[in-house]
Protein backbone atom coordinates (compact mmCIF):
# COMPACT_ATOMS: atom_id res chain seq x y z
CA MET A 1 10.38 2.06 -20.27
CA LYS A 2 7.61 -0.15 -21.63
CA ILE A 3 6.28 -2.44 -18.90
CA ALA A 4 3.86 -5.36 -19.16
CA LEU A 5 2.40 -6.09 -15.73
CA LEU A 6 0.54 -9.36 -15.06
CA ARG A 7 -2.20 -9.96 -12.51
CA GLN A 8 -5.31 -12.03 -13.14
CA ARG A 9 -7.66 -9.98 -10.96
CA VAL A 10 -7.55 -6.22 -10.91
CA THR A 11 -10.73 -5.15 -9.12
CA ALA A 12 -10.68 -7.41 -6.02
CA LEU A 13 -10.24 -6.03 -2.49
CA GLY A 14 -7.20 -8.15 -1.56
CA GLY A 15 -3.73 -7.01 -0.64
CA ALA A 16 -2.24 -8.11 -3.97
CA GLU A 17 -4.75 -6.02 -5.89
CA THR A 18 -4.04 -3.04 -3.65
CA THR A 19 -0.33 -3.43 -4.39
CA LEU A 20 -1.05 -3.68 -8.11
CA SER A 21 -3.08 -0.46 -8.03
CA TYR A 22 -0.35 1.57 -6.34
CA LEU A 23 2.41 0.12 -8.50
CA VAL A 24 0.54 0.75 -11.74
CA ARG A 25 -0.33 4.33 -10.84
CA GLY A 26 3.19 5.04 -9.60
CA LEU A 27 4.89 3.59 -12.66
CA ALA A 28 2.55 5.46 -15.01
CA ALA A 29 3.00 8.72 -13.08
CA ALA A 30 6.77 8.33 -13.50
CA GLY A 31 6.25 8.47 -17.27
CA HIS A 32 6.48 4.79 -18.14
CA ASP A 33 4.29 2.99 -20.68
CA VAL A 34 2.35 0.48 -18.56
CA SER A 35 0.03 -2.27 -19.79
CA VAL A 36 -1.79 -4.58 -17.40
CA TYR A 37 -2.70 -8.12 -18.48
CA GLY A 38 -5.61 -9.70 -16.60
CA THR A 39 -8.69 -11.88 -16.92
CA GLU A 40 -11.49 -9.52 -15.87
CA SER A 41 -13.76 -7.59 -18.21
CA THR A 42 -12.07 -4.70 -19.93
CA ALA A 43 -14.57 -2.09 -18.71
CA ALA A 44 -14.29 -3.03 -15.03
CA ALA A 45 -10.51 -3.35 -15.09
CA GLN A 46 -9.98 -0.12 -17.01
CA ALA A 47 -12.17 1.76 -14.55
CA ALA A 48 -10.12 0.40 -11.63
CA LEU A 49 -6.77 1.17 -13.26
CA GLY A 50 -7.63 4.70 -14.31
CA PRO A 51 -6.41 6.75 -17.28
CA GLY A 52 -2.94 6.41 -18.71
CA VAL A 53 -2.76 2.63 -18.24
CA ALA A 54 -3.61 0.15 -20.99
CA TYR A 55 -5.48 -3.04 -20.19
CA VAL A 56 -5.24 -6.30 -22.14
CA ARG A 57 -7.75 -9.02 -21.40
CA VAL A 58 -6.21 -12.50 -21.37
CA PRO A 59 -8.55 -15.29 -22.52
CA VAL A 60 -9.04 -18.10 -20.00
CA TRP A 61 -11.55 -20.91 -19.64
CA GLY A 62 -12.51 -23.92 -17.58
CA GLY A 63 -12.09 -24.51 -13.87
CA LYS A 64 -9.48 -23.14 -11.48
CA THR A 65 -6.60 -25.31 -12.68
CA LEU A 66 -7.25 -24.82 -16.39
CA ARG A 67 -7.75 -21.07 -15.93
CA PHE A 68 -4.42 -20.82 -14.16
CA LEU A 69 -2.63 -22.67 -16.98
CA ALA A 70 -4.48 -20.73 -19.69
CA PHE A 71 -3.47 -17.43 -18.12
CA ALA A 72 0.19 -18.44 -17.90
CA LEU A 73 0.30 -19.54 -21.56
CA ASN A 74 -1.88 -16.84 -23.12
CA SER A 75 -0.41 -13.90 -21.23
CA ARG A 76 3.10 -14.85 -22.35
CA ARG A 77 1.92 -15.18 -25.95
CA LEU A 78 0.21 -11.79 -25.88
CA ILE A 79 3.25 -10.10 -24.35
CA GLN A 80 5.58 -11.61 -26.92
CA ASN A 81 3.30 -10.45 -29.73
CA ALA A 82 3.25 -6.90 -28.30
CA GLY A 83 6.95 -6.39 -28.96
CA PRO A 84 9.91 -5.51 -26.69
CA GLN A 85 8.97 -4.65 -23.12
CA VAL A 86 9.90 -5.61 -19.56
CA GLY A 87 7.65 -8.45 -18.37
CA PHE A 88 6.74 -7.90 -14.72
CA SER A 89 4.54 -10.59 -13.22
CA LEU A 90 2.59 -10.61 -9.98
CA GLU A 91 1.45 -14.12 -10.90
CA ARG A 92 3.30 -17.42 -11.22
CA VAL A 93 4.07 -17.18 -14.94
CA PRO A 94 7.40 -18.69 -16.08
CA GLY A 95 9.50 -16.86 -18.63
CA LEU A 96 9.14 -13.18 -17.68
CA SER A 97 12.04 -10.99 -16.63
CA VAL A 98 10.80 -9.93 -13.18
CA TYR A 99 8.57 -11.76 -10.72
CA ARG A 100 7.13 -10.20 -7.59
CA ALA A 101 6.47 -13.03 -5.11
CA GLY A 102 3.71 -11.18 -3.29
CA ASP A 103 1.78 -14.42 -2.77
CA GLY A 104 4.79 -16.12 -1.19
CA CYS A 105 5.70 -19.73 -2.01
CA HIS A 106 2.87 -22.16 -2.64
CA ARG A 107 5.13 -24.99 -1.52
CA GLU A 108 5.68 -23.28 1.82
CA TRP A 109 1.97 -22.55 2.26
CA LEU A 110 1.04 -26.22 1.74
CA ALA A 111 3.71 -27.35 4.21
CA ARG A 112 2.53 -24.89 6.87
CA ARG A 113 -1.12 -25.75 6.31
CA ALA A 114 -0.76 -29.55 6.42
CA PRO A 115 -0.40 -29.98 10.21
CA TYR A 116 -3.75 -28.25 10.78
CA LEU A 117 -5.70 -30.48 8.38
CA SER A 118 -7.53 -33.70 9.14
CA SER A 119 -6.08 -36.86 7.62
CA PRO A 120 -8.64 -36.92 4.76
CA ALA A 121 -8.10 -33.22 4.06
CA ARG A 122 -4.32 -33.69 4.08
CA ALA A 123 -4.63 -36.54 1.59
CA ALA A 124 -6.89 -34.40 -0.60
CA GLN A 125 -4.29 -31.63 -0.55
CA ASN A 126 -1.50 -34.03 -1.47
CA PHE A 127 -3.41 -35.41 -4.46
CA SER A 128 -5.05 -32.17 -5.59
CA LEU A 129 -4.50 -31.53 -9.31
CA PHE A 130 -4.54 -27.79 -8.72
CA HIS A 131 -1.83 -27.92 -6.06
CA GLN A 132 0.31 -30.26 -8.14
CA VAL A 133 0.08 -27.94 -11.14
CA MET A 134 0.87 -24.92 -8.96
CA LEU A 135 3.98 -26.62 -7.58
CA ILE A 136 5.19 -27.58 -11.06
CA ILE A 137 4.66 -24.06 -12.41
CA GLU A 138 6.28 -22.47 -9.36
CA ARG A 139 9.34 -24.70 -9.74
CA ARG A 140 9.61 -23.87 -13.45
CA LEU A 141 9.17 -20.18 -12.72
CA PHE A 142 12.18 -20.00 -10.41
CA ALA A 143 14.31 -22.26 -12.63
CA HIS A 144 13.56 -20.40 -15.89
CA PRO A 145 16.68 -18.80 -17.43
CA GLY A 146 14.64 -15.77 -18.50
CA LEU A 147 13.93 -14.80 -14.88
CA LEU A 148 16.42 -12.02 -14.14
CA ARG A 149 15.10 -10.56 -10.89
CA VAL A 150 12.78 -11.66 -8.08
CA ILE A 151 11.12 -9.21 -5.70
CA ALA A 152 10.15 -10.58 -2.29
CA ASN A 153 7.87 -8.53 -0.05
CA SER A 154 9.57 -9.70 3.16
CA ARG A 155 12.79 -11.30 4.34
CA GLN A 156 10.69 -14.35 5.17
CA VAL A 157 9.71 -14.85 1.53
CA ARG A 158 13.24 -14.17 0.31
CA ASP A 159 14.59 -16.86 2.61
CA GLU A 160 11.87 -19.33 1.53
CA ILE A 161 12.74 -18.85 -2.16
CA ILE A 162 16.42 -19.43 -1.49
CA ARG A 163 15.78 -22.47 0.72
CA LEU A 164 13.14 -24.15 -1.44
CA TYR A 165 14.33 -23.29 -4.94
CA GLY A 166 18.00 -22.39 -4.67
CA VAL A 167 17.62 -19.00 -6.35
CA ASP A 168 20.83 -16.96 -6.37
CA PRO A 169 20.48 -14.34 -3.59
CA ALA A 170 22.02 -11.78 -5.96
CA ARG A 171 18.86 -11.97 -8.11
CA LEU A 172 16.58 -11.38 -5.11
CA ARG A 173 15.50 -8.01 -3.72
CA VAL A 174 13.31 -7.38 -0.69
CA ILE A 175 10.85 -4.55 -1.35
CA TYR A 176 8.16 -4.12 1.26
CA ASN A 177 4.62 -3.04 0.50
CA GLY A 178 3.98 0.66 0.90
CA LEU A 179 1.45 2.54 3.01
CA ASP A 180 -0.98 5.29 2.10
CA ARG A 181 -0.38 7.88 4.82
CA GLN A 182 -3.51 9.81 3.86
CA ARG A 183 -5.59 6.81 4.91
CA PHE A 184 -3.59 4.99 7.57
CA HIS A 185 -2.54 7.22 10.44
CA PRO A 186 -3.26 7.52 14.18
CA LEU A 187 -6.07 9.61 15.62
CA ASP A 188 -5.80 11.68 18.77
CA PRO A 189 -7.54 10.09 21.79
CA ASN A 190 -10.68 12.24 21.54
CA ALA A 191 -11.15 11.56 17.82
CA ALA A 192 -10.54 7.85 18.37
CA ALA A 193 -13.12 7.76 21.17
CA ALA A 194 -15.68 9.50 18.95
CA LEU A 195 -14.97 7.04 16.15
CA ARG A 196 -15.40 4.07 18.49
CA GLN A 197 -18.76 5.45 19.54
CA ARG A 198 -19.87 5.89 15.91
CA LEU A 199 -18.88 2.30 15.17
CA GLY A 200 -20.90 1.07 18.12
CA ALA A 201 -18.19 0.05 20.57
CA PRO A 202 -19.50 0.17 24.16
CA GLN A 203 -17.86 2.90 26.19
CA ASN A 204 -14.58 1.85 27.84
CA SER A 205 -14.78 -1.63 26.25
CA PRO A 206 -11.52 -2.69 24.55
CA VAL A 207 -11.81 -4.09 21.01
CA VAL A 208 -9.88 -6.95 19.42
CA LEU A 209 -9.90 -6.50 15.63
CA PHE A 210 -9.53 -9.22 13.01
CA VAL A 211 -9.25 -8.21 9.35
CA GLY A 212 -8.94 -10.81 6.61
CA SER A 213 -10.75 -12.88 4.02
CA GLY A 214 -10.31 -16.63 4.19
CA PHE A 215 -11.03 -17.03 7.88
CA GLU A 216 -9.40 -20.45 8.23
CA ARG A 217 -6.05 -19.47 6.70
CA LYS A 218 -5.96 -16.26 8.70
CA GLY A 219 -6.40 -18.19 11.97
CA LEU A 220 -9.83 -16.99 13.05
CA PRO A 221 -10.72 -20.36 14.68
CA TYR A 222 -7.78 -19.96 17.07
CA LEU A 223 -8.61 -16.33 17.75
CA PHE A 224 -12.15 -17.35 18.69
CA GLN A 225 -10.85 -19.90 21.18
CA ALA A 226 -8.41 -17.43 22.72
CA PHE A 227 -11.04 -14.68 22.88
CA GLY A 228 -13.48 -17.06 24.57
CA SER A 229 -10.92 -17.82 27.28
CA LEU A 230 -10.13 -14.19 28.16
CA ARG A 231 -10.77 -13.14 31.72
CA ASP A 232 -11.73 -9.69 30.46
CA LYS A 233 -15.43 -10.21 29.70
CA ALA A 234 -15.92 -6.56 28.74
CA SER A 235 -13.80 -6.87 25.59
CA HIS A 236 -15.33 -7.15 22.13
CA LEU A 237 -14.19 -8.87 18.93
CA TRP A 238 -14.76 -7.26 15.53
CA VAL A 239 -14.38 -9.45 12.45
CA VAL A 240 -13.89 -7.64 9.15
CA GLY A 241 -13.67 -9.63 5.93
CA LYS A 242 -15.23 -12.39 3.88
CA GLY A 243 -15.81 -15.91 5.18
CA ASN A 244 -18.33 -18.40 6.50
CA VAL A 245 -20.01 -16.06 8.96
CA ALA A 246 -22.79 -18.51 9.87
CA LEU A 247 -20.23 -21.07 11.05
CA TYR A 248 -18.47 -18.54 13.27
CA ARG A 249 -21.69 -17.15 14.67
CA GLN A 250 -22.43 -20.66 15.85
CA ALA A 251 -18.93 -20.98 17.29
CA ALA A 252 -19.40 -17.69 19.16
CA LYS A 253 -22.61 -19.01 20.69
CA GLY A 254 -20.84 -22.19 21.78
CA LEU A 255 -18.13 -20.16 23.47
CA GLY A 256 -20.66 -17.89 25.15
CA VAL A 257 -19.34 -14.74 23.48
CA ALA A 258 -21.97 -14.16 20.77
CA ASP A 259 -23.05 -10.87 22.33
CA ARG A 260 -19.45 -9.59 22.17
CA VAL A 261 -18.62 -10.56 18.57
CA LYS A 262 -19.60 -8.42 15.60
CA PHE A 263 -19.19 -9.40 11.94
CA TRP A 264 -18.78 -6.46 9.58
CA GLY A 265 -18.28 -8.39 6.33
CA PRO A 266 -15.97 -7.07 3.57
CA VAL A 267 -15.44 -3.31 3.71
CA THR A 268 -13.75 -0.96 1.26
CA GLU A 269 -12.25 1.28 3.94
CA THR A 270 -10.50 -0.47 6.82
CA ALA A 271 -8.65 2.49 8.36
CA PRO A 272 -11.46 3.49 10.77
CA PHE A 273 -11.47 -0.02 12.25
CA TYR A 274 -7.71 0.06 12.91
CA GLN A 275 -8.00 3.54 14.42
CA ALA A 276 -10.83 2.46 16.73
CA ALA A 277 -9.44 -0.91 17.81
CA THR A 278 -7.37 -1.63 20.89
CA VAL A 279 -5.34 -4.44 19.32
CA LEU A 280 -5.23 -6.23 15.97
CA ALA A 281 -5.06 -10.03 16.06
CA LEU A 282 -4.09 -12.08 13.00
CA PRO A 283 -2.94 -15.59 14.05
CA THR A 284 -2.39 -16.56 10.41
CA LEU A 285 -1.18 -19.94 9.20
CA TYR A 286 0.84 -18.25 6.46
CA ASP A 287 1.18 -14.73 5.15
CA PRO A 288 4.05 -13.47 2.97
CA CYS A 289 3.67 -9.96 4.41
CA SER A 290 0.22 -9.02 5.60
CA ASN A 291 -0.88 -5.51 4.64
CA VAL A 292 -3.33 -5.72 7.53
CA VAL A 293 -0.53 -5.75 10.11
CA LEU A 294 1.34 -2.91 8.41
CA GLU A 295 -1.81 -0.79 8.18
CA ALA A 296 -2.75 -1.42 11.81
CA LEU A 297 0.71 -0.39 13.00
CA ALA A 298 0.55 2.74 10.85
CA CYS A 299 -2.68 3.65 12.67
CA GLY A 300 -0.92 3.20 16.00
CA THR A 301 -2.63 -0.09 16.82
CA PRO A 302 -0.44 -2.88 18.25
CA ALA A 303 -0.59 -6.16 16.36
CA VAL A 304 -0.50 -9.80 17.42
CA THR A 305 0.41 -12.26 14.68
CA THR A 306 2.45 -15.40 14.04
CA ALA A 307 6.02 -16.11 13.03
CA ALA A 308 4.60 -17.33 9.69
CA ASN A 309 3.77 -13.75 8.71
CA GLY A 310 6.46 -11.68 7.01
CA ALA A 311 4.93 -8.54 8.52
CA ALA A 312 6.07 -9.81 11.94
CA GLU A 313 9.44 -8.35 10.95
CA PHE A 314 8.02 -4.93 11.91
CA ILE A 315 6.78 -5.91 15.36
CA THR A 316 8.86 -5.37 18.49
CA PRO A 317 7.48 -8.00 20.90
CA GLY A 318 6.13 -6.46 24.06
CA ALA A 319 6.40 -2.94 22.68
CA SER A 320 4.26 -2.76 19.53
CA GLY A 321 2.63 -6.18 19.62
CA ALA A 322 3.46 -9.86 19.90
CA VAL A 323 4.64 -12.67 17.64
CA ILE A 324 3.50 -16.16 18.62
CA PRO A 325 5.32 -19.19 17.15
CA GLN A 326 2.24 -20.82 15.63
CA PRO A 327 -1.47 -20.04 15.30
CA ASP A 328 -2.66 -22.77 17.67
CA ASP A 329 -0.50 -21.52 20.55
CA LEU A 330 -3.62 -20.57 22.47
CA ALA A 331 -1.78 -19.82 25.71
CA GLY A 332 0.57 -17.42 23.92
CA LEU A 333 -2.25 -15.84 21.93
CA THR A 334 -4.41 -15.38 25.02
CA GLU A 335 -1.51 -13.86 26.97
CA ALA A 336 -0.72 -11.44 24.13
CA LEU A 337 -4.35 -10.35 23.83
CA THR A 338 -4.59 -9.86 27.59
CA THR A 339 -1.46 -7.71 27.57
CA PHE A 340 -2.49 -5.42 24.76
CA LEU A 341 -6.14 -5.18 25.69
CA SER A 342 -4.87 -3.43 28.80
CA ARG A 343 -2.02 -1.51 27.15
CA GLY A 344 -3.15 -1.07 23.56
CA ARG A 345 -4.39 2.51 23.98
CA ASP A 346 -1.27 3.63 25.88
CA LEU A 347 0.45 6.52 24.10
CA GLN A 348 3.89 4.86 24.21
CA VAL A 349 2.60 1.64 22.66
CA ARG A 350 0.82 3.51 19.90
CA GLN A 351 3.81 5.70 19.12
CA THR A 352 6.07 2.64 18.97
CA ALA A 353 3.64 0.92 16.60
CA THR A 354 3.49 3.92 14.29
CA GLN A 355 7.25 4.37 14.29
CA ALA A 356 7.78 0.72 13.33
CA VAL A 357 6.47 1.35 9.81
CA ALA A 358 7.40 5.03 9.52
CA GLU A 359 9.71 4.43 6.54
CA LEU A 360 7.14 2.56 4.44
CA SER A 361 5.47 4.46 1.60
CA TRP A 362 4.18 3.62 -1.85
CA GLU A 363 6.50 6.23 -3.31
CA LYS A 364 9.47 4.33 -1.90
CA THR A 365 8.06 0.96 -3.04
CA VAL A 366 7.53 2.25 -6.59
CA ALA A 367 11.02 3.81 -6.74
CA GLN A 368 12.69 0.59 -5.56
CA THR A 369 10.60 -1.46 -8.00
CA LEU A 370 11.65 0.82 -10.86
CA GLU A 371 15.29 0.19 -9.99
CA VAL A 372 14.74 -3.56 -10.32
CA LEU A 373 12.82 -3.20 -13.59
CA ALA A 374 15.59 -1.01 -14.99
CA GLU A 375 18.20 -3.62 -14.05
CA ALA A 376 16.18 -6.31 -15.83
CA GLY A 377 15.59 -4.15 -18.88
CA SER A 378 19.18 -3.00 -19.32
């Protein structure tokens, strides 16, 4: 099968780019002719994709809105000129056969974000040209007669697409992200203790871990408030990811917890942090299905997140983590952190967490995706 796969960025560290990498390698390894269409330089993208996968650079220009439109138009044109193939988009590009809604619904994200904005910021969101264009393109994407199949990466996203855009459920398939078992797995207690020491965690001090870029969307302000109110003053908070660190350093000082908060910045290998942590906390405003939660569970680390995260479907409240109704539920967040700071290293909790995602693998994700692509190409 000849497959044209669309994603603007190939080399970034985000969850979507991780998914792209595993899908591309899996599809190519299965003997299919895969071409990736993106906007980055050919040399950098080709190095990230590896041998056996073609890369086509899509010309774009201008600011964020114009680049988004240019990619949608030019990628379709290039694919059409390349001859018959199955168009498989990880971006909002109308007119291709298969769309993987890994970024969720923009319409849903704006609705969930609005209550947490100031009045001026809410007005700016409502009148933003970029958001208006995104909503128009998203609507056209789901209404396009050429769209044969939609892959959602959680039941949450599937239900959003049906509710917001009336897509026939028969055209929708839930395929969860996979997990790399060579990287994400539990450590025995002695190895975990040694790792914690190497990473600088004080002996016998529990660690709350936050992993995510885009601190505001991922709910870090609420985590800071909850962490500052904990009775356990021996606990530490590790923040991994990209964001306005200076702002949060100041917030930590204001809360009196600066000496217990450590910012690691973006890292290429997150597994050691999951394996060393006591509990993962991600009080996100909106996440289609956070890889961070899945990876933490695979490492045996309980996870606390919100009902706006599709990955919450893998959490058994009280057993492998907690699901709070909304990110600003500080009482619920504080209670969940308190519970799992005391229980997070318990063997039963860690086994339950690992078992929750035991069936996830990239091999399974690739195989299920191939089934959908074959249906669209038949």
